[in-house]
Amino acid sequence: MIQYDIIIRPLITEKTSIQKEDHNQLSFEVDRRANRVEIRRAIEKIFDVRVANVRTMQVKGKVKQRGRIEGRRRNWKKAIVNLMPGERIDFFEGV
């Protein structure tokens, strides 16, 4: 797989912002077939940083309902990446 196919998007929420400031952790939505080693290499190559460790989890899609019609959101994989001390990734530079 190509690095840009592994990392789908960064997850930017209030919780991930606190993790980034306090623990130097970043969260990403990643390809469901990617393993920790592939995720680490992709992050290091795309953002030019050093990664301390990677934790992954499978997120189950929620069941949603519109009236009588019931649907389901897709399942996806989440990766929480710890960066080495002194490393940083800024998604919104100068905003």
PDB file of N, CA and C in Angstrom:
ATOM      1  N   MET A   1       0.831  -1.189   0.000  1.00  0.00           N
ATOM      2  CA  MET A   1       0.000   0.000   0.000  1.00  0.00           C
ATOM      3  C   MET A   1       0.874   1.251   0.000  1.00  0.00           C
ATOM      4  N   ILE A   2       0.378   2.292  -0.585  1.00  0.00           N
ATOM      5  CA  ILE A   2       1.057   3.583  -0.596  1.00  0.00           C
ATOM      6  C   ILE A   2       0.721   4.314   0.700  1.00  0.00           C
ATOM      7  N   GLN A   3       1.646   5.139   1.206  1.00  0.00           N
ATOM      8  CA  GLN A   3       1.450   5.829   2.479  1.00  0.00           C
ATOM      9  C   GLN A   3       0.180   6.667   2.492  1.00  0.00           C
ATOM     10  N   TYR A   4      -0.125   7.304   1.376  1.00  0.00           N
ATOM     11  CA  TYR A   4      -1.307   8.173   1.328  1.00  0.00           C
ATOM     12  C   TYR A   4      -2.602   7.375   1.267  1.00  0.00           C
ATOM     13  N   ASP A   5      -2.532   6.083   0.967  1.00  0.00           N
ATOM     14  CA  ASP A   5      -3.706   5.225   1.023  1.00  0.00           C
ATOM     15  C   ASP A   5      -3.939   4.702   2.432  1.00  0.00           C
ATOM     16  N   ILE A   6      -2.910   4.639   3.243  1.00  0.00           N
ATOM     17  CA  ILE A   6      -3.029   4.131   4.603  1.00  0.00           C
ATOM     18  C   ILE A   6      -3.679   5.169   5.509  1.00  0.00           C
ATOM     19  N   ILE A   7      -3.200   6.402   5.467  1.00  0.00           N
ATOM     20  CA  ILE A   7      -3.727   7.475   6.315  1.00  0.00           C
ATOM     21  C   ILE A   7      -4.866   8.146   5.561  1.00  0.00           C
ATOM     22  N   ILE A   8      -6.089   8.008   6.072  1.00  0.00           N
ATOM     23  CA  ILE A   8      -7.248   8.571   5.391  1.00  0.00           C
ATOM     24  C   ILE A   8      -7.454  10.027   5.777  1.00  0.00           C
ATOM     25  N   ARG A   9      -7.482  10.302   7.105  1.00  0.00           N
ATOM     26  CA  ARG A   9      -7.662  11.688   7.549  1.00  0.00           C
ATOM     27  C   ARG A   9      -7.285  11.792   9.012  1.00  0.00           C
ATOM     28  N   PRO A  10      -6.882  12.988   9.462  1.00  0.00           N
ATOM     29  CA  PRO A  10      -6.674  13.190  10.896  1.00  0.00           C
ATOM     30  C   PRO A  10      -8.025  13.403  11.570  1.00  0.00           C
ATOM     31  N   LEU A  11      -8.136  12.958  12.804  1.00  0.00           N
ATOM     32  CA  LEU A  11      -9.352  13.176  13.577  1.00  0.00           C
ATOM     33  C   LEU A  11      -9.134  14.402  14.451  1.00  0.00           C
ATOM     34  N   ILE A  12      -9.911  15.443  14.224  1.00  0.00           N
ATOM     35  CA  ILE A  12      -9.747  16.690  14.952  1.00  0.00           C
ATOM     36  C   ILE A  12     -11.031  16.955  15.730  1.00  0.00           C
ATOM     37  N   THR A  13     -10.969  16.655  17.019  1.00  0.00           N
ATOM     38  CA  THR A  13     -12.081  16.885  17.927  1.00  0.00           C
ATOM     39  C   THR A  13     -11.529  17.561  19.174  1.00  0.00           C
ATOM     40  N   GLU A  14     -12.410  17.890  20.097  1.00  0.00           N
ATOM     41  CA  GLU A  14     -11.973  18.504  21.340  1.00  0.00           C
ATOM     42  C   GLU A  14     -11.076  17.549  22.127  1.00  0.00           C
ATOM     43  N   LYS A  15     -11.458  16.284  22.167  1.00  0.00           N
ATOM     44  CA  LYS A  15     -10.674  15.285  22.898  1.00  0.00           C
ATOM     45  C   LYS A  15      -9.288  15.102  22.284  1.00  0.00           C
ATOM     46  N   THR A  16      -9.206  15.017  20.949  1.00  0.00           N
ATOM     47  CA  THR A  16      -7.905  14.819  20.314  1.00  0.00           C
ATOM     48  C   THR A  16      -7.021  16.060  20.451  1.00  0.00           C
ATOM     49  N   SER A  17      -7.630  17.239  20.529  1.00  0.00           N
ATOM     50  CA  SER A  17      -6.845  18.459  20.748  1.00  0.00           C
ATOM     51  C   SER A  17      -6.200  18.440  22.129  1.00  0.00           C
ATOM     52  N   ILE A  18      -6.941  17.970  23.124  1.00  0.00           N
ATOM     53  CA  ILE A  18      -6.387  17.864  24.480  1.00  0.00           C
ATOM     54  C   ILE A  18      -5.273  16.818  24.518  1.00  0.00           C
ATOM     55  N   GLN A  19      -5.476  15.679  23.843  1.00  0.00           N
ATOM     56  CA  GLN A  19      -4.435  14.650  23.781  1.00  0.00           C
ATOM     57  C   GLN A  19      -3.173  15.184  23.119  1.00  0.00           C
ATOM     58  N   LYS A  20      -3.348  15.978  22.081  1.00  0.00           N
ATOM     59  CA  LYS A  20      -2.203  16.529  21.356  1.00  0.00           C
ATOM     60  C   LYS A  20      -1.400  17.465  22.257  1.00  0.00           C
ATOM     61  N   GLU A  21      -2.084  18.321  23.014  1.00  0.00           N
ATOM     62  CA  GLU A  21      -1.395  19.281  23.872  1.00  0.00           C
ATOM     63  C   GLU A  21      -0.752  18.624  25.089  1.00  0.00           C
ATOM     64  N   ASP A  22      -1.480  17.705  25.740  1.00  0.00           N
ATOM     65  CA  ASP A  22      -1.003  17.140  27.000  1.00  0.00           C
ATOM     66  C   ASP A  22      -0.052  15.960  26.827  1.00  0.00           C
ATOM     67  N   HIS A  23      -0.311  15.093  25.840  1.00  0.00           N
ATOM     68  CA  HIS A  23       0.444  13.845  25.733  1.00  0.00           C
ATOM     69  C   HIS A  23       1.184  13.667  24.415  1.00  0.00           C
ATOM     70  N   ASN A  24       1.156  14.653  23.539  1.00  0.00           N
ATOM     71  CA  ASN A  24       1.813  14.585  22.230  1.00  0.00           C
ATOM     72  C   ASN A  24       1.310  13.386  21.423  1.00  0.00           C
ATOM     73  N   GLN A  25      -0.032  13.178  21.442  1.00  0.00           N
ATOM     74  CA  GLN A  25      -0.675  12.091  20.715  1.00  0.00           C
ATOM     75  C   GLN A  25      -1.555  12.665  19.613  1.00  0.00           C
ATOM     76  N   LEU A  26      -1.579  11.984  18.480  1.00  0.00           N
ATOM     77  CA  LEU A  26      -2.437  12.379  17.362  1.00  0.00           C
ATOM     78  C   LEU A  26      -3.309  11.200  16.973  1.00  0.00           C
ATOM     79  N   SER A  27      -4.527  11.490  16.506  1.00  0.00           N
ATOM     80  CA  SER A  27      -5.448  10.426  16.103  1.00  0.00           C
ATOM     81  C   SER A  27      -5.729  10.542  14.614  1.00  0.00           C
ATOM     82  N   PHE A  28      -5.783   9.386  13.958  1.00  0.00           N
ATOM     83  CA  PHE A  28      -6.023   9.332  12.520  1.00  0.00           C
ATOM     84  C   PHE A  28      -7.029   8.241  12.207  1.00  0.00           C
ATOM     85  N   GLU A  29      -7.818   8.455  11.153  1.00  0.00           N
ATOM     86  CA  GLU A  29      -8.584   7.370  10.568  1.00  0.00           C
ATOM     87  C   GLU A  29      -7.671   6.719   9.554  1.00  0.00           C
ATOM     88  N   VAL A  30      -7.540   5.395   9.641  1.00  0.00           N
ATOM     89  CA  VAL A  30      -6.614   4.678   8.772  1.00  0.00           C
ATOM     90  C   VAL A  30      -7.346   3.561   8.038  1.00  0.00           C
ATOM     91  N   ASP A  31      -6.683   3.016   7.038  1.00  0.00           N
ATOM     92  CA  ASP A  31      -7.239   1.896   6.287  1.00  0.00           C
ATOM     93  C   ASP A  31      -7.416   0.695   7.208  1.00  0.00           C
ATOM     94  N   ARG A  32      -8.528  -0.018   7.068  1.00  0.00           N
ATOM     95  CA  ARG A  32      -8.829  -1.128   7.972  1.00  0.00           C
ATOM     96  C   ARG A  32      -7.855  -2.285   7.837  1.00  0.00           C
ATOM     97  N   ARG A  33      -7.165  -2.394   6.707  1.00  0.00           N
ATOM     98  CA  ARG A  33      -6.224  -3.500   6.505  1.00  0.00           C
ATOM     99  C   ARG A  33      -4.812  -3.170   6.973  1.00  0.00           C
ATOM    100  N   ALA A  34      -4.533  -1.921   7.329  1.00  0.00           N
ATOM    101  CA  ALA A  34      -3.183  -1.501   7.708  1.00  0.00           C
ATOM    102  C   ALA A  34      -2.848  -1.970   9.123  1.00  0.00           C
ATOM    103  N   ASN A  35      -1.598  -2.375   9.328  1.00  0.00           N
ATOM    104  CA  ASN A  35      -1.155  -2.757  10.668  1.00  0.00           C
ATOM    105  C   ASN A  35      -0.328  -1.623  11.272  1.00  0.00           C
ATOM    106  N   ARG A  36       0.117  -1.833  12.515  1.00  0.00           N
ATOM    107  CA  ARG A  36       0.822  -0.770  13.239  1.00  0.00           C
ATOM    108  C   ARG A  36       2.135  -0.357  12.570  1.00  0.00           C
ATOM    109  N   VAL A  37       2.853  -1.310  12.047  1.00  0.00           N
ATOM    110  CA  VAL A  37       4.141  -1.009  11.409  1.00  0.00           C
ATOM    111  C   VAL A  37       3.923  -0.148  10.167  1.00  0.00           C
ATOM    112  N   GLU A  38       2.941  -0.492   9.352  1.00  0.00           N
ATOM    113  CA  GLU A  38       2.637   0.288   8.152  1.00  0.00           C
ATOM    114  C   GLU A  38       2.171   1.698   8.516  1.00  0.00           C
ATOM    115  N   ILE A  39       1.368   1.813   9.568  1.00  0.00           N
ATOM    116  CA  ILE A  39       0.882   3.130  10.008  1.00  0.00           C
ATOM    117  C   ILE A  39       2.052   3.978  10.481  1.00  0.00           C
ATOM    118  N   ARG A  40       2.947   3.380  11.258  1.00  0.00           N
ATOM    119  CA  ARG A  40       4.132   4.111  11.751  1.00  0.00           C
ATOM    120  C   ARG A  40       4.980   4.630  10.584  1.00  0.00           C
ATOM    121  N   ARG A  41       5.260   3.766   9.614  1.00  0.00           N
ATOM    122  CA  ARG A  41       6.077   4.176   8.465  1.00  0.00           C
ATOM    123  C   ARG A  41       5.396   5.282   7.664  1.00  0.00           C
ATOM    124  N   ALA A  42       4.079   5.178   7.500  1.00  0.00           N
ATOM    125  CA  ALA A  42       3.345   6.192   6.729  1.00  0.00           C
ATOM    126  C   ALA A  42       3.393   7.546   7.421  1.00  0.00           C
ATOM    127  N   ILE A  43       3.170   7.585   8.732  1.00  0.00           N
ATOM    128  CA  ILE A  43       3.202   8.839   9.486  1.00  0.00           C
ATOM    129  C   ILE A  43       4.603   9.450   9.428  1.00  0.00           C
ATOM    130  N   GLU A  44       5.625   8.618   9.619  1.00  0.00           N
ATOM    131  CA  GLU A  44       6.995   9.131   9.602  1.00  0.00           C
ATOM    132  C   GLU A  44       7.365   9.687   8.234  1.00  0.00           C
ATOM    133  N   LYS A  45       6.916   9.039   7.167  1.00  0.00           N
ATOM    134  CA  LYS A  45       7.266   9.502   5.827  1.00  0.00           C
ATOM    135  C   LYS A  45       6.463  10.732   5.406  1.00  0.00           C
ATOM    136  N   ILE A  46       5.162  10.742   5.670  1.00  0.00           N
ATOM    137  CA  ILE A  46       4.307  11.858   5.235  1.00  0.00           C
ATOM    138  C   ILE A  46       4.633  13.138   5.998  1.00  0.00           C
ATOM    139  N   PHE A  47       4.756  13.050   7.340  1.00  0.00           N
ATOM    140  CA  PHE A  47       4.910  14.249   8.168  1.00  0.00           C
ATOM    141  C   PHE A  47       6.341  14.504   8.600  1.00  0.00           C
ATOM    142  N   ASP A  48       7.274  13.617   8.270  1.00  0.00           N
ATOM    143  CA  ASP A  48       8.689  13.773   8.605  1.00  0.00           C
ATOM    144  C   ASP A  48       8.893  13.965  10.115  1.00  0.00           C
ATOM    145  N   VAL A  49       8.319  13.048  10.896  1.00  0.00           N
ATOM    146  CA  VAL A  49       8.463  13.046  12.347  1.00  0.00           C
ATOM    147  C   VAL A  49       8.866  11.640  12.790  1.00  0.00           C
ATOM    148  N   ARG A  50       9.282  11.520  14.062  1.00  0.00           N
ATOM    149  CA  ARG A  50       9.592  10.213  14.633  1.00  0.00           C
ATOM    150  C   ARG A  50       8.432   9.782  15.519  1.00  0.00           C
ATOM    151  N   VAL A  51       8.031   8.527  15.401  1.00  0.00           N
ATOM    152  CA  VAL A  51       6.889   7.996  16.138  1.00  0.00           C
ATOM    153  C   VAL A  51       7.383   7.094  17.263  1.00  0.00           C
ATOM    154  N   ALA A  52       6.845   7.306  18.479  1.00  0.00           N
ATOM    155  CA  ALA A  52       7.212   6.472  19.622  1.00  0.00           C
ATOM    156  C   ALA A  52       6.439   5.157  19.596  1.00  0.00           C
ATOM    157  N   ASN A  53       5.116   5.222  19.508  1.00  0.00           N
ATOM    158  CA  ASN A  53       4.325   3.998  19.405  1.00  0.00           C
ATOM    159  C   ASN A  53       2.965   4.298  18.763  1.00  0.00           C
ATOM    160  N   VAL A  54       2.282   3.232  18.357  1.00  0.00           N
ATOM    161  CA  VAL A  54       0.992   3.338  17.670  1.00  0.00           C
ATOM    162  C   VAL A  54       0.010   2.387  18.341  1.00  0.00           C
ATOM    163  N   ARG A  55      -1.159   2.889  18.654  1.00  0.00           N
ATOM    164  CA  ARG A  55      -2.243   2.042  19.167  1.00  0.00           C
ATOM    165  C   ARG A  55      -3.388   2.103  18.163  1.00  0.00           C
ATOM    166  N   THR A  56      -4.020   0.968  17.907  1.00  0.00           N
ATOM    167  CA  THR A  56      -5.108   0.929  16.937  1.00  0.00           C
ATOM    168  C   THR A  56      -6.352   0.335  17.570  1.00  0.00           C
ATOM    169  N   MET A  57      -7.494   0.688  16.993  1.00  0.00           N
ATOM    170  CA  MET A  57      -8.755   0.116  17.448  1.00  0.00           C
ATOM    171  C   MET A  57      -9.749   0.108  16.299  1.00  0.00           C
ATOM    172  N   GLN A  58     -10.634  -0.888  16.318  1.00  0.00           N
ATOM    173  CA  GLN A  58     -11.711  -0.981  15.350  1.00  0.00           C
ATOM    174  C   GLN A  58     -12.924  -0.262  15.937  1.00  0.00           C
ATOM    175  N   VAL A  59     -13.473   0.687  15.196  1.00  0.00           N
ATOM    176  CA  VAL A  59     -14.643   1.437  15.652  1.00  0.00           C
ATOM    177  C   VAL A  59     -15.862   0.893  14.909  1.00  0.00           C
ATOM    178  N   LYS A  60     -16.842   0.435  15.664  1.00  0.00           N
ATOM    179  CA  LYS A  60     -18.058  -0.115  15.074  1.00  0.00           C
ATOM    180  C   LYS A  60     -18.958   1.028  14.600  1.00  0.00           C
ATOM    181  N   GLY A  61     -19.575   0.853  13.436  1.00  0.00           N
ATOM    182  CA  GLY A  61     -20.505   1.847  12.923  1.00  0.00           C
ATOM    183  C   GLY A  61     -21.796   1.858  13.723  1.00  0.00           C
ATOM    184  N   LYS A  62     -22.333   3.036  13.952  1.00  0.00           N
ATOM    185  CA  LYS A  62     -23.563   3.165  14.731  1.00  0.00           C
ATOM    186  C   LYS A  62     -24.774   2.824  13.882  1.00  0.00           C
ATOM    187  N   VAL A  63     -25.818   2.343  14.539  1.00  0.00           N
ATOM    188  CA  VAL A  63     -27.091   2.111  13.871  1.00  0.00           C
ATOM    189  C   VAL A  63     -27.878   3.413  13.960  1.00  0.00           C
ATOM    190  N   LYS A  64     -28.335   3.911  12.839  1.00  0.00           N
ATOM    191  CA  LYS A  64     -29.095   5.161  12.772  1.00  0.00           C
ATOM    192  C   LYS A  64     -30.460   4.885  12.177  1.00  0.00           C
ATOM    193  N   GLN A  65     -31.431   5.698  12.563  1.00  0.00           N
ATOM    194  CA  GLN A  65     -32.800   5.473  12.119  1.00  0.00           C
ATOM    195  C   GLN A  65     -33.411   6.786  11.666  1.00  0.00           C
ATOM    196  N   ARG A  66     -34.100   6.742  10.518  1.00  0.00           N
ATOM    197  CA  ARG A  66     -34.879   7.872  10.012  1.00  0.00           C
ATOM    198  C   ARG A  66     -36.307   7.381   9.860  1.00  0.00           C
ATOM    199  N   GLY A  67     -37.117   7.690  10.824  1.00  0.00           N
ATOM    200  CA  GLY A  67     -38.469   7.162  10.793  1.00  0.00           C
ATOM    201  C   GLY A  67     -38.438   5.658  10.971  1.00  0.00           C
ATOM    202  N   ARG A  68     -39.031   4.947  10.024  1.00  0.00           N
ATOM    203  CA  ARG A  68     -39.046   3.480  10.119  1.00  0.00           C
ATOM    204  C   ARG A  68     -37.853   2.851   9.423  1.00  0.00           C
ATOM    205  N   ILE A  69     -37.116   3.632   8.662  1.00  0.00           N
ATOM    206  CA  ILE A  69     -35.983   3.094   7.909  1.00  0.00           C
ATOM    207  C   ILE A  69     -34.750   3.093   8.803  1.00  0.00           C
ATOM    208  N   GLU A  70     -34.146   1.924   8.920  1.00  0.00           N
ATOM    209  CA  GLU A  70     -32.965   1.782   9.758  1.00  0.00           C
ATOM    210  C   GLU A  70     -31.739   1.567   8.877  1.00  0.00           C
ATOM    211  N   GLY A  71     -30.675   2.281   9.191  1.00  0.00           N
ATOM    212  CA  GLY A  71     -29.430   2.136   8.435  1.00  0.00           C
ATOM    213  C   GLY A  71     -28.265   1.981   9.395  1.00  0.00           C
ATOM    214  N   ARG A  72     -27.096   1.859   8.826  1.00  0.00           N
ATOM    215  CA  ARG A  72     -25.908   1.660   9.641  1.00  0.00           C
ATOM    216  C   ARG A  72     -24.756   2.436   9.039  1.00  0.00           C
ATOM    217  N   ARG A  73     -23.991   3.101   9.897  1.00  0.00           N
ATOM    218  CA  ARG A  73     -22.768   3.753   9.444  1.00  0.00           C
ATOM    219  C   ARG A  73     -21.684   2.701   9.274  1.00  0.00           C
ATOM    220  N   ARG A  74     -20.666   3.032   8.518  1.00  0.00           N
ATOM    221  CA  ARG A  74     -19.613   2.063   8.224  1.00  0.00           C
ATOM    222  C   ARG A  74     -18.689   1.868   9.419  1.00  0.00           C
ATOM    223  N   ASN A  75     -18.071   0.710   9.475  1.00  0.00           N
ATOM    224  CA  ASN A  75     -17.033   0.424  10.465  1.00  0.00           C
ATOM    225  C   ASN A  75     -15.729   1.044   9.968  1.00  0.00           C
ATOM    226  N   TRP A  76     -14.859   1.476  10.891  1.00  0.00           N
ATOM    227  CA  TRP A  76     -13.603   2.083  10.489  1.00  0.00           C
ATOM    228  C   TRP A  76     -12.535   1.811  11.553  1.00  0.00           C
ATOM    229  N   LYS A  77     -11.295   2.112  11.189  1.00  0.00           N
ATOM    230  CA  LYS A  77     -10.167   1.857  12.077  1.00  0.00           C
ATOM    231  C   LYS A  77      -9.545   3.179  12.500  1.00  0.00           C
ATOM    232  N   LYS A  78      -9.222   3.265  13.778  1.00  0.00           N
ATOM    233  CA  LYS A  78      -8.647   4.473  14.352  1.00  0.00           C
ATOM    234  C   LYS A  78      -7.252   4.158  14.869  1.00  0.00           C
ATOM    235  N   ALA A  79      -6.312   5.067  14.657  1.00  0.00           N
ATOM    236  CA  ALA A  79      -4.948   4.900  15.164  1.00  0.00           C
ATOM    237  C   ALA A  79      -4.585   6.102  16.021  1.00  0.00           C
ATOM    238  N   ILE A  80      -4.076   5.844  17.225  1.00  0.00           N
ATOM    239  CA  ILE A  80      -3.571   6.897  18.100  1.00  0.00           C
ATOM    240  C   ILE A  80      -2.048   6.776  18.089  1.00  0.00           C
ATOM    241  N   VAL A  81      -1.396   7.834  17.652  1.00  0.00           N
ATOM    242  CA  VAL A  81       0.045   7.831  17.429  1.00  0.00           C
ATOM    243  C   VAL A  81       0.718   8.717  18.473  1.00  0.00           C
ATOM    244  N   ASN A  82       1.677   8.149  19.227  1.00  0.00           N
ATOM    245  CA  ASN A  82       2.494   8.932  20.153  1.00  0.00           C
ATOM    246  C   ASN A  82       3.748   9.371  19.407  1.00  0.00           C
ATOM    247  N   LEU A  83       4.037  10.670  19.456  1.00  0.00           N
ATOM    248  CA  LEU A  83       5.253  11.187  18.837  1.00  0.00           C
ATOM    249  C   LEU A  83       6.369  11.248  19.867  1.00  0.00           C
ATOM    250  N   MET A  84       7.590  11.187  19.384  1.00  0.00           N
ATOM    251  CA  MET A  84       8.756  11.307  20.258  1.00  0.00           C
ATOM    252  C   MET A  84       8.791  12.723  20.848  1.00  0.00           C
ATOM    253  N   PRO A  85       9.398  12.888  22.019  1.00  0.00           N
ATOM    254  CA  PRO A  85       9.494  14.232  22.610  1.00  0.00           C
ATOM    255  C   PRO A  85      10.206  15.197  21.659  1.00  0.00           C
ATOM    256  N   GLY A  86       9.657  16.372  21.531  1.00  0.00           N
ATOM    257  CA  GLY A  86      10.228  17.390  20.643  1.00  0.00           C
ATOM    258  C   GLY A  86       9.654  17.376  19.244  1.00  0.00           C
ATOM    259  N   GLU A  87       8.936  16.329  18.869  1.00  0.00           N
ATOM    260  CA  GLU A  87       8.312  16.240  17.538  1.00  0.00           C
ATOM    261  C   GLU A  87       6.928  16.876  17.584  1.00  0.00           C
ATOM    262  N   ARG A  88       6.500  17.414  16.431  1.00  0.00           N
ATOM    263  CA  ARG A  88       5.228  18.122  16.362  1.00  0.00           C
ATOM    264  C   ARG A  88       4.656  18.077  14.965  1.00  0.00           C
ATOM    265  N   ILE A  89       3.334  18.001  14.886  1.00  0.00           N
ATOM    266  CA  ILE A  89       2.635  18.124  13.598  1.00  0.00           C
ATOM    267  C   ILE A  89       1.572  19.195  13.771  1.00  0.00           C
ATOM    268  N   ASP A  90       1.613  20.225  12.938  1.00  0.00           N
ATOM    269  CA  ASP A  90       0.615  21.292  12.994  1.00  0.00           C
ATOM    270  C   ASP A  90      -0.275  21.180  11.771  1.00  0.00           C
ATOM    271  N   PHE A  91      -1.560  20.890  12.006  1.00  0.00           N
ATOM    272  CA  PHE A  91      -2.501  20.791  10.900  1.00  0.00           C
ATOM    273  C   PHE A  91      -3.002  22.164  10.468  1.00  0.00           C
ATOM    274  N   PHE A  92      -3.116  23.081  11.425  1.00  0.00           N
ATOM    275  CA  PHE A  92      -3.639  24.417  11.116  1.00  0.00           C
ATOM    276  C   PHE A  92      -2.565  25.444  11.461  1.00  0.00           C
ATOM    277  N   GLU A  93      -1.587  25.579  10.608  1.00  0.00           N
ATOM    278  CA  GLU A  93      -0.515  26.536  10.846  1.00  0.00           C
ATOM    279  C   GLU A  93      -0.980  27.935  10.462  1.00  0.00           C
ATOM    280  N   GLY A  94      -0.815  28.882  11.369  1.00  0.00           N
ATOM    281  CA  GLY A  94      -1.119  30.270  11.070  1.00  0.00           C
ATOM    282  C   GLY A  94      -2.594  30.610  11.015  1.00  0.00           C
ATOM    283  N   VAL A  95      -3.432  29.761  11.597  1.00  0.00           N
ATOM    284  CA  VAL A  95      -4.872  30.061  11.584  1.00  0.00           C
ATOM    285  C   VAL A  95      -5.240  30.717  12.881  1.00  0.00           C
TER     286      VAL A  95
END
